[in-house]
C-alpha cells in the first residue's frame, strides 16, 4: 500500500510537471506566433510602399519621356520650318 501511494504521488508530480512545461511551451509558441504575425504585417506594409514608390517613379519617367519627346519634335519642327523657308527664299 505504501509503495502504491508512493508511485501514485510520483506519477502525480510528473503529470503536474508535464502540465507546467506544456503550458509554458504553449505560451512561448503563442508569443512567437504573434511576433511572426507582426513581422509579416510590417513586411507587407514595406512591400506595398515599395510597389507604390516604383509605380510613382514609373509615372514620373513616362512624364519625362513624353516631355522630352515634345521638346524634340518641337525643335525638329522649328528646324524644318527654317530649312523650308530658306529653300523657298533661295528660289
PDB file of N, CA and C in Angstrom:
ATOM      1  N   UNK A   1       0.816  -1.182   0.000  1.00  0.00           N
ATOM      2  CA  UNK A   1       0.000   0.000   0.000  1.00  0.00           C
ATOM      3  C   UNK A   1       0.862   1.248   0.000  1.00  0.00           C
ATOM      4  N   UNK A   2       1.919   1.236   0.797  1.00  0.00           N
ATOM      5  CA  UNK A   2       2.810   2.396   0.826  1.00  0.00           C
ATOM      6  C   UNK A   2       3.494   2.585  -0.522  1.00  0.00           C
ATOM      7  N   UNK A   3       3.862   1.494  -1.165  1.00  0.00           N
ATOM      8  CA  UNK A   3       4.519   1.577  -2.465  1.00  0.00           C
ATOM      9  C   UNK A   3       3.564   2.144  -3.500  1.00  0.00           C
ATOM     10  N   UNK A   4       2.320   1.721  -3.482  1.00  0.00           N
ATOM     11  CA  UNK A   4       1.317   2.213  -4.409  1.00  0.00           C
ATOM     12  C   UNK A   4       1.085   3.714  -4.201  1.00  0.00           C
ATOM     13  N   UNK A   5       0.999   4.157  -2.976  1.00  0.00           N
ATOM     14  CA  UNK A   5       0.831   5.572  -2.682  1.00  0.00           C
ATOM     15  C   UNK A   5       2.038   6.374  -3.151  1.00  0.00           C
ATOM     16  N   UNK A   6       3.232   5.825  -2.949  1.00  0.00           N
ATOM     17  CA  UNK A   6       4.458   6.489  -3.377  1.00  0.00           C
ATOM     18  C   UNK A   6       4.473   6.616  -4.904  1.00  0.00           C
ATOM     19  N   UNK A   7       4.144   5.552  -5.601  1.00  0.00           N
ATOM     20  CA  UNK A   7       4.144   5.561  -7.074  1.00  0.00           C
ATOM     21  C   UNK A   7       3.087   6.543  -7.588  1.00  0.00           C
ATOM     22  N   UNK A   8       1.901   6.523  -6.989  1.00  0.00           N
ATOM     23  CA  UNK A   8       0.861   7.465  -7.400  1.00  0.00           C
ATOM     24  C   UNK A   8       1.279   8.908  -7.121  1.00  0.00           C
ATOM     25  N   UNK A   9       1.963   9.158  -6.032  1.00  0.00           N
ATOM     26  CA  UNK A   9       2.459  10.503  -5.711  1.00  0.00           C
ATOM     27  C   UNK A   9       3.484  10.974  -6.728  1.00  0.00           C
ATOM     28  N   UNK A  10       4.427  10.079  -7.070  1.00  0.00           N
ATOM     29  CA  UNK A  10       5.449  10.430  -8.063  1.00  0.00           C
ATOM     30  C   UNK A  10       4.776  10.674  -9.414  1.00  0.00           C
ATOM     31  N   UNK A  11       3.823   9.821  -9.795  1.00  0.00           N
ATOM     32  CA  UNK A  11       3.123   9.982 -11.069  1.00  0.00           C
ATOM     33  C   UNK A  11       2.373  11.317 -11.098  1.00  0.00           C
ATOM     34  N   UNK A  12       1.747  11.678  -9.987  1.00  0.00           N
ATOM     35  CA  UNK A  12       1.022  12.943  -9.898  1.00  0.00           C
ATOM     36  C   UNK A  12       1.974  14.128 -10.074  1.00  0.00           C
ATOM     37  N   UNK A  13       3.141  14.064  -9.454  1.00  0.00           N
ATOM     38  CA  UNK A  13       4.143  15.130  -9.572  1.00  0.00           C
ATOM     39  C   UNK A  13       4.633  15.233 -11.012  1.00  0.00           C
ATOM     40  N   UNK A  14       4.862  14.081 -11.658  1.00  0.00           N
ATOM     41  CA  UNK A  14       5.307  14.072 -13.053  1.00  0.00           C
ATOM     42  C   UNK A  14       4.232  14.692 -13.947  1.00  0.00           C
ATOM     43  N   UNK A  15       2.978  14.353 -13.730  1.00  0.00           N
ATOM     44  CA  UNK A  15       1.879  14.912 -14.521  1.00  0.00           C
ATOM     45  C   UNK A  15       1.804  16.422 -14.323  1.00  0.00           C
ATOM     46  N   UNK A  16       1.941  16.879 -13.094  1.00  0.00           N
ATOM     47  CA  UNK A  16       1.919  18.327 -12.825  1.00  0.00           C
ATOM     48  C   UNK A  16       3.102  19.012 -13.514  1.00  0.00           C
ATOM     49  N   UNK A  17       4.279  18.406 -13.447  1.00  0.00           N
ATOM     50  CA  UNK A  17       5.467  18.982 -14.096  1.00  0.00           C
ATOM     51  C   UNK A  17       5.268  19.045 -15.605  1.00  0.00           C
ATOM     52  N   UNK A  18       4.736  17.990 -16.193  1.00  0.00           N
ATOM     53  CA  UNK A  18       4.479  17.987 -17.636  1.00  0.00           C
ATOM     54  C   UNK A  18       3.437  19.049 -18.014  1.00  0.00           C
ATOM     55  N   UNK A  19       2.439  19.222 -17.174  1.00  0.00           N
ATOM     56  CA  UNK A  19       1.423  20.241 -17.419  1.00  0.00           C
ATOM     57  C   UNK A  19       2.038  21.639 -17.393  1.00  0.00           C
ATOM     58  N   UNK A  20       2.898  21.888 -16.436  1.00  0.00           N
ATOM     59  CA  UNK A  20       3.560  23.190 -16.338  1.00  0.00           C
ATOM     60  C   UNK A  20       4.450  23.421 -17.555  1.00  0.00           C
ATOM     61  N   UNK A  21       5.225  22.418 -17.933  1.00  0.00           N
ATOM     62  CA  UNK A  21       6.113  22.557 -19.092  1.00  0.00           C
ATOM     63  C   UNK A  21       5.301  22.757 -20.368  1.00  0.00           C
ATOM     64  N   UNK A  22       4.214  22.003 -20.534  1.00  0.00           N
ATOM     65  CA  UNK A  22       3.375  22.146 -21.729  1.00  0.00           C
ATOM     66  C   UNK A  22       2.741  23.536 -21.777  1.00  0.00           C
ATOM     67  N   UNK A  23       2.268  24.040 -20.661  1.00  0.00           N
ATOM     68  CA  UNK A  23       1.678  25.380 -20.612  1.00  0.00           C
ATOM     69  C   UNK A  23       2.716  26.436 -20.973  1.00  0.00           C
ATOM     70  N   UNK A  24       3.913  26.304 -20.433  1.00  0.00           N
ATOM     71  CA  UNK A  24       4.995  27.237 -20.749  1.00  0.00           C
ATOM     72  C   UNK A  24       5.318  27.192 -22.244  1.00  0.00           C
ATOM     73  N   UNK A  25       5.367  25.996 -22.806  1.00  0.00           N
ATOM     74  CA  UNK A  25       5.661  25.847 -24.234  1.00  0.00           C
ATOM     75  C   UNK A  25       4.559  26.480 -25.082  1.00  0.00           C
ATOM     76  N   UNK A  26       3.302  26.267 -24.721  1.00  0.00           N
ATOM     77  CA  UNK A  26       2.199  26.875 -25.468  1.00  0.00           C
ATOM     78  C   UNK A  26       2.253  28.393 -25.413  1.00  0.00           C
ATOM     79  N   UNK A  27       2.567  28.952 -24.263  1.00  0.00           N
ATOM     80  CA  UNK A  27       2.682  30.407 -24.128  1.00  0.00           C
ATOM     81  C   UNK A  27       3.804  30.926 -25.024  1.00  0.00           C
ATOM     82  N   UNK A  28       4.931  30.233 -25.030  1.00  0.00           N
ATOM     83  CA  UNK A  28       6.054  30.649 -25.883  1.00  0.00           C
ATOM     84  C   UNK A  28       5.673  30.582 -27.355  1.00  0.00           C
ATOM     85  N   UNK A  29       4.986  29.515 -27.742  1.00  0.00           N
ATOM     86  CA  UNK A  29       4.571  29.361 -29.140  1.00  0.00           C
ATOM     87  C   UNK A  29       3.620  30.486 -29.533  1.00  0.00           C
ATOM     88  N   UNK A  30       2.696  30.839 -28.668  1.00  0.00           N
ATOM     89  CA  UNK A  30       1.759  31.926 -28.957  1.00  0.00           C
ATOM     90  C   UNK A  30       2.501  33.247 -29.100  1.00  0.00           C
ATOM     91  N   UNK A  31       3.490  33.504 -28.229  1.00  0.00           N
ATOM     92  CA  UNK A  31       4.269  34.744 -28.333  1.00  0.00           C
ATOM     93  C   UNK A  31       5.039  34.792 -29.642  1.00  0.00           C
ATOM     94  N   UNK A  32       5.661  33.683 -30.019  1.00  0.00           N
ATOM     95  CA  UNK A  32       6.423  33.644 -31.268  1.00  0.00           C
ATOM     96  C   UNK A  32       5.496  33.825 -32.464  1.00  0.00           C
ATOM     97  N   UNK A  33       4.319  33.201 -32.407  1.00  0.00           N
ATOM     98  CA  UNK A  33       3.347  33.360 -33.496  1.00  0.00           C
ATOM     99  C   UNK A  33       2.919  34.813 -33.621  1.00  0.00           C
ATOM    100  N   UNK A  34       2.670  35.481 -32.513  1.00  0.00           N
ATOM    101  CA  UNK A  34       2.292  36.896 -32.548  1.00  0.00           C
ATOM    102  C   UNK A  34       3.415  37.749 -33.121  1.00  0.00           C
ATOM    103  N   UNK A  35       4.643  37.463 -32.751  1.00  0.00           N
ATOM    104  CA  UNK A  35       5.788  38.199 -33.295  1.00  0.00           C
ATOM    105  C   UNK A  35       5.911  37.979 -34.796  1.00  0.00           C
ATOM    106  N   UNK A  36       5.728  36.748 -35.236  1.00  0.00           N
ATOM    107  CA  UNK A  36       5.792  36.459 -36.665  1.00  0.00           C
ATOM    108  C   UNK A  36       4.667  37.163 -37.428  1.00  0.00           C
ATOM    109  N   UNK A  37       3.479  37.210 -36.848  1.00  0.00           N
ATOM    110  CA  UNK A  37       2.379  37.934 -37.486  1.00  0.00           C
ATOM    111  C   UNK A  37       2.692  39.418 -37.596  1.00  0.00           C
ATOM    112  N   UNK A  38       3.290  39.981 -36.554  1.00  0.00           N
ATOM    113  CA  UNK A  38       3.667  41.395 -36.580  1.00  0.00           C
ATOM    114  C   UNK A  38       4.733  41.659 -37.644  1.00  0.00           C
ATOM    115  N   UNK A  39       5.702  40.776 -37.735  1.00  0.00           N
ATOM    116  CA  UNK A  39       6.751  40.918 -38.755  1.00  0.00           C
ATOM    117  C   UNK A  39       6.150  40.807 -40.148  1.00  0.00           C
ATOM    118  N   UNK A  40       5.213  39.882 -40.326  1.00  0.00           N
ATOM    119  CA  UNK A  40       4.567  39.725 -41.624  1.00  0.00           C
ATOM    120  C   UNK A  40       3.784  40.975 -41.999  1.00  0.00           C
ATOM    121  N   UNK A  41       3.065  41.572 -41.050  1.00  0.00           N
ATOM    122  CA  UNK A  41       2.334  42.814 -41.324  1.00  0.00           C
ATOM    123  C   UNK A  41       3.300  43.937 -41.710  1.00  0.00           C
ATOM    124  N   UNK A  42       4.428  44.023 -40.987  1.00  0.00           N
ATOM    125  CA  UNK A  42       5.418  45.047 -41.296  1.00  0.00           C
ATOM    126  C   UNK A  42       5.986  44.855 -42.698  1.00  0.00           C
ATOM    127  N   UNK A  43       6.309  43.604 -43.036  1.00  0.00           N
ATOM    128  CA  UNK A  43       6.867  43.324 -44.361  1.00  0.00           C
ATOM    129  C   UNK A  43       5.847  43.614 -45.461  1.00  0.00           C
ATOM    130  N   UNK A  44       4.591  43.265 -45.236  1.00  0.00           N
ATOM    131  CA  UNK A  44       3.564  43.564 -46.229  1.00  0.00           C
ATOM    132  C   UNK A  44       3.425  45.064 -46.440  1.00  0.00           C
ATOM    133  N   UNK A  45       3.476  45.829 -45.351  1.00  0.00           N
ATOM    134  CA  UNK A  45       3.408  47.283 -45.461  1.00  0.00           C
ATOM    135  C   UNK A  45       4.615  47.821 -46.229  1.00  0.00           C
ATOM    136  N   UNK A  46       5.796  47.311 -45.896  1.00  0.00           N
ATOM    137  CA  UNK A  46       7.009  47.767 -46.575  1.00  0.00           C
ATOM    138  C   UNK A  46       6.968  47.421 -48.059  1.00  0.00           C
ATOM    139  N   UNK A  47       6.513  46.224 -48.385  1.00  0.00           N
ATOM    140  CA  UNK A  47       6.432  45.812 -49.797  1.00  0.00           C
ATOM    141  C   UNK A  47       5.429  46.684 -50.540  1.00  0.00           C
ATOM    142  N   UNK A  48       4.291  46.968 -49.920  1.00  0.00           N
ATOM    143  CA  UNK A  48       3.306  47.838 -50.569  1.00  0.00           C
ATOM    144  C   UNK A  48       3.865  49.239 -50.805  1.00  0.00           C
ATOM    145  N   UNK A  49       4.628  49.747 -49.849  1.00  0.00           N
ATOM    146  CA  UNK A  49       5.251  51.061 -50.026  1.00  0.00           C
ATOM    147  C   UNK A  49       6.266  51.038 -51.160  1.00  0.00           C
ATOM    148  N   UNK A  50       7.010  49.947 -51.261  1.00  0.00           N
ATOM    149  CA  UNK A  50       7.992  49.823 -52.346  1.00  0.00           C
ATOM    150  C   UNK A  50       7.283  49.786 -53.695  1.00  0.00           C
ATOM    151  N   UNK A  51       6.213  48.994 -53.801  1.00  0.00           N
ATOM    152  CA  UNK A  51       5.458  48.939 -55.060  1.00  0.00           C
ATOM    153  C   UNK A  51       4.880  50.302 -55.417  1.00  0.00           C
ATOM    154  N   UNK A  52       4.383  51.016 -54.423  1.00  0.00           N
ATOM    155  CA  UNK A  52       3.826  52.341 -54.669  1.00  0.00           C
ATOM    156  C   UNK A  52       4.925  53.296 -55.138  1.00  0.00           C
ATOM    157  N   UNK A  53       6.085  53.216 -54.512  1.00  0.00           N
ATOM    158  CA  UNK A  53       7.205  54.066 -54.910  1.00  0.00           C
ATOM    159  C   UNK A  53       7.647  53.756 -56.337  1.00  0.00           C
ATOM    160  N   UNK A  54       7.701  52.483 -56.672  1.00  0.00           N
ATOM    161  CA  UNK A  54       8.081  52.095 -58.041  1.00  0.00           C
ATOM    162  C   UNK A  54       7.052  52.612 -59.039  1.00  0.00           C
ATOM    163  N   UNK A  55       5.780  52.503 -58.697  1.00  0.00           N
ATOM    164  CA  UNK A  55       4.728  52.988 -59.599  1.00  0.00           C
ATOM    165  C   UNK A  55       4.845  54.495 -59.802  1.00  0.00           C
ATOM    166  N   UNK A  56       5.123  55.233 -58.729  1.00  0.00           N
ATOM    167  CA  UNK A  56       5.287  56.690 -58.848  1.00  0.00           C
ATOM    168  C   UNK A  56       6.501  57.037 -59.699  1.00  0.00           C
ATOM    169  N   UNK A  57       7.599  56.331 -59.496  1.00  0.00           N
ATOM    170  CA  UNK A  57       8.795  56.572 -60.300  1.00  0.00           C
ATOM    171  C   UNK A  57       8.524  56.260 -61.775  1.00  0.00           C
ATOM    172  N   UNK A  58       7.796  55.189 -62.017  1.00  0.00           N
ATOM    173  CA  UNK A  58       7.453  54.812 -63.385  1.00  0.00           C
ATOM    174  C   UNK A  58       6.615  55.894 -64.045  1.00  0.00           C
ATOM    175  N   UNK A  59       5.667  56.444 -63.310  1.00  0.00           N
ATOM    176  CA  UNK A  59       4.826  57.521 -63.831  1.00  0.00           C
ATOM    177  C   UNK A  59       5.669  58.756 -64.141  1.00  0.00           C
ATOM    178  N   UNK A  60       6.585  59.096 -63.240  1.00  0.00           N
ATOM    179  CA  UNK A  60       7.451  60.258 -63.471  1.00  0.00           C
ATOM    180  C   UNK A  60       8.349  60.040 -64.687  1.00  0.00           C
ATOM    181  N   UNK A  61       8.854  58.837 -64.845  1.00  0.00           N
ATOM    182  CA  UNK A  61       9.709  58.544 -66.013  1.00  0.00           C
ATOM    183  C   UNK A  61       8.908  58.708 -67.301  1.00  0.00           C
ATOM    184  N   UNK A  62       7.673  58.202 -67.321  1.00  0.00           N
ATOM    185  CA  UNK A  62       6.846  58.344 -68.518  1.00  0.00           C
ATOM    186  C   UNK A  62       6.556  59.811 -68.811  1.00  0.00           C
ATOM    187  N   UNK A  63       6.321  60.602 -67.780  1.00  0.00           N
ATOM    188  CA  UNK A  63       6.093  62.035 -67.991  1.00  0.00           C
ATOM    189  C   UNK A  63       7.330  62.707 -68.577  1.00  0.00           C
ATOM    190  N   UNK A  64       8.497  62.356 -68.039  1.00  0.00           N
ATOM    191  CA  UNK A  64       9.736  62.956 -68.561  1.00  0.00           C
ATOM    192  C   UNK A  64       9.969  62.563 -70.007  1.00  0.00           C
ATOM    193  N   UNK A  65       9.729  61.303 -70.327  1.00  0.00           N
ATOM    194  CA  UNK A  65       9.904  60.845 -71.711  1.00  0.00           C
ATOM    195  C   UNK A  65       8.949  61.594 -72.633  1.00  0.00           C
ATOM    196  N   UNK A  66       7.687  61.747 -72.215  1.00  0.00           N
ATOM    197  CA  UNK A  66       6.732  62.492 -73.039  1.00  0.00           C
ATOM    198  C   UNK A  66       7.166  63.938 -73.217  1.00  0.00           C
ATOM    199  N   UNK A  67       7.666  64.561 -72.157  1.00  0.00           N
ATOM    200  CA  UNK A  67       8.127  65.938 -72.232  1.00  0.00           C
ATOM    201  C   UNK A  67       9.319  66.064 -73.184  1.00  0.00           C
ATOM    202  N   UNK A  68      10.280  65.162 -73.062  1.00  0.00           N
ATOM    203  CA  UNK A  68      11.439  65.195 -73.956  1.00  0.00           C
ATOM    204  C   UNK A  68      11.019  64.958 -75.401  1.00  0.00           C
ATOM    205  N   UNK A  69      10.067  64.076 -75.598  1.00  0.00           N
ATOM    206  CA  UNK A  69       9.575  63.810 -76.952  1.00  0.00           C
ATOM    207  C   UNK A  69       8.947  65.070 -77.544  1.00  0.00           C
ATOM    208  N   UNK A  70       8.146  65.772 -76.756  1.00  0.00           N
ATOM    209  CA  UNK A  70       7.527  67.012 -77.236  1.00  0.00           C
ATOM    210  C   UNK A  70       8.589  68.062 -77.556  1.00  0.00           C
ATOM    211  N   UNK A  71       9.599  68.165 -76.703  1.00  0.00           N
ATOM    212  CA  UNK A  71      10.674  69.134 -76.938  1.00  0.00           C
ATOM    213  C   UNK A  71      11.434  68.794 -78.219  1.00  0.00           C
ATOM    214  N   UNK A  72      11.740  67.535 -78.411  1.00  0.00           N
ATOM    215  CA  UNK A  72      12.499  67.120 -79.602  1.00  0.00           C
ATOM    216  C   UNK A  72      11.682  67.392 -80.864  1.00  0.00           C
ATOM    217  N   UNK A  73      10.406  67.008 -80.849  1.00  0.00           N
ATOM    218  CA  UNK A  73       9.581  67.269 -82.024  1.00  0.00           C
ATOM    219  C   UNK A  73       9.398  68.764 -82.258  1.00  0.00           C
ATOM    220  N   UNK A  74       9.313  69.545 -81.191  1.00  0.00           N
ATOM    221  CA  UNK A  74       9.212  71.000 -81.346  1.00  0.00           C
ATOM    222  C   UNK A  74      10.459  71.575 -81.998  1.00  0.00           C
ATOM    223  N   UNK A  75      11.625  71.139 -81.532  1.00  0.00           N
ATOM    224  CA  UNK A  75      12.871  71.616 -82.137  1.00  0.00           C
ATOM    225  C   UNK A  75      12.993  71.144 -83.583  1.00  0.00           C
ATOM    226  N   UNK A  76      12.610  69.914 -83.828  1.00  0.00           N
ATOM    227  CA  UNK A  76      12.684  69.376 -85.185  1.00  0.00           C
ATOM    228  C   UNK A  76      11.753  70.147 -86.122  1.00  0.00           C
ATOM    229  N   UNK A  77      10.544  70.442 -85.662  1.00  0.00           N
ATOM    230  CA  UNK A  77       9.617  71.219 -86.473  1.00  0.00           C
ATOM    231  C   UNK A  77      10.180  72.616 -86.748  1.00  0.00           C
ATOM    232  N   UNK A  78      10.765  73.227 -85.731  1.00  0.00           N
ATOM    233  CA  UNK A  78      11.346  74.556 -85.905  1.00  0.00           C
ATOM    234  C   UNK A  78      12.466  74.529 -86.933  1.00  0.00           C
ATOM    235  N   UNK A  79      13.338  73.543 -86.837  1.00  0.00           N
ATOM    236  CA  UNK A  79      14.449  73.444 -87.789  1.00  0.00           C
ATOM    237  C   UNK A  79      13.948  73.163 -89.203  1.00  0.00           C
ATOM    238  N   UNK A  80      12.942  72.311 -89.306  1.00  0.00           N
ATOM    239  CA  UNK A  80      12.400  72.020 -90.630  1.00  0.00           C
ATOM    240  C   UNK A  80      11.720  73.249 -91.230  1.00  0.00           C
ATOM    241  N   UNK A  81      11.046  74.029 -90.412  1.00  0.00           N
ATOM    242  CA  UNK A  81      10.417  75.268 -90.903  1.00  0.00           C
ATOM    243  C   UNK A  81      11.481  76.243 -91.392  1.00  0.00           C
ATOM    244  N   UNK A  82      12.570  76.375 -90.659  1.00  0.00           N
ATOM    245  CA  UNK A  82      13.657  77.268 -91.077  1.00  0.00           C
ATOM    246  C   UNK A  82      14.266  76.783 -92.382  1.00  0.00           C
ATOM    247  N   UNK A  83      14.455  75.472 -92.504  1.00  0.00           N
ATOM    248  CA  UNK A  83      15.010  74.914 -93.740  1.00  0.00           C
ATOM    249  C   UNK A  83      14.058  75.146 -94.905  1.00  0.00           C
ATOM    250  N   UNK A  84      12.784  74.950 -94.656  1.00  0.00           N
ATOM    251  CA  UNK A  84      11.787  75.161 -95.711  1.00  0.00           C
ATOM    252  C   UNK A  84      11.782  76.628 -96.161  1.00  0.00           C
ATOM    253  N   UNK A  85      11.857  77.553 -95.185  1.00  0.00           N
ATOM    254  CA  UNK A  85      11.892  78.983 -95.532  1.00  0.00           C
ATOM    255  C   UNK A  85      13.135  79.320 -96.346  1.00  0.00           C
ATOM    256  N   UNK A  86      14.272  78.742 -96.011  1.00  0.00           N
ATOM    257  CA  UNK A  86      15.496  79.002 -96.762  1.00  0.00           C
ATOM    258  C   UNK A  86      15.388  78.476 -98.188  1.00  0.00           C
ATOM    259  N   UNK A  87      14.822  77.296 -98.308  1.00  0.00           N
ATOM    260  CA  UNK A  87      14.687  76.718 -99.650  1.00  0.00           C
ATOM    261  C   UNK A  87      13.711  77.524-100.503  1.00  0.00           C
ATOM    262  N   UNK A  88      12.648  78.012 -99.905  1.00  0.00           N
ATOM    263  CA  UNK A  88      11.664  78.808-100.636  1.00  0.00           C
ATOM    264  C   UNK A  88      12.272  80.151-101.022  1.00  0.00           C
ATOM    265  N   UNK A  89      13.014  80.784-100.122  1.00  0.00           N
ATOM    266  CA  UNK A  89      13.596  82.094-100.367  1.00  0.00           C
ATOM    267  C   UNK A  89      14.735  82.046-101.379  1.00  0.00           C
ATOM    268  N   UNK A  90      15.409  80.931-101.519  1.00  0.00           N
ATOM    269  CA  UNK A  90      16.520  80.818-102.471  1.00  0.00           C
ATOM    270  C   UNK A  90      16.018  80.711-103.909  1.00  0.00           C
ATOM    271  N   UNK A  91      14.802  80.313-104.097  1.00  0.00           N
ATOM    272  CA  UNK A  91      14.272  80.155-105.462  1.00  0.00           C
ATOM    273  C   UNK A  91      13.982  81.450-106.075  1.00  0.00           C
TER     274      UNK A  91
END
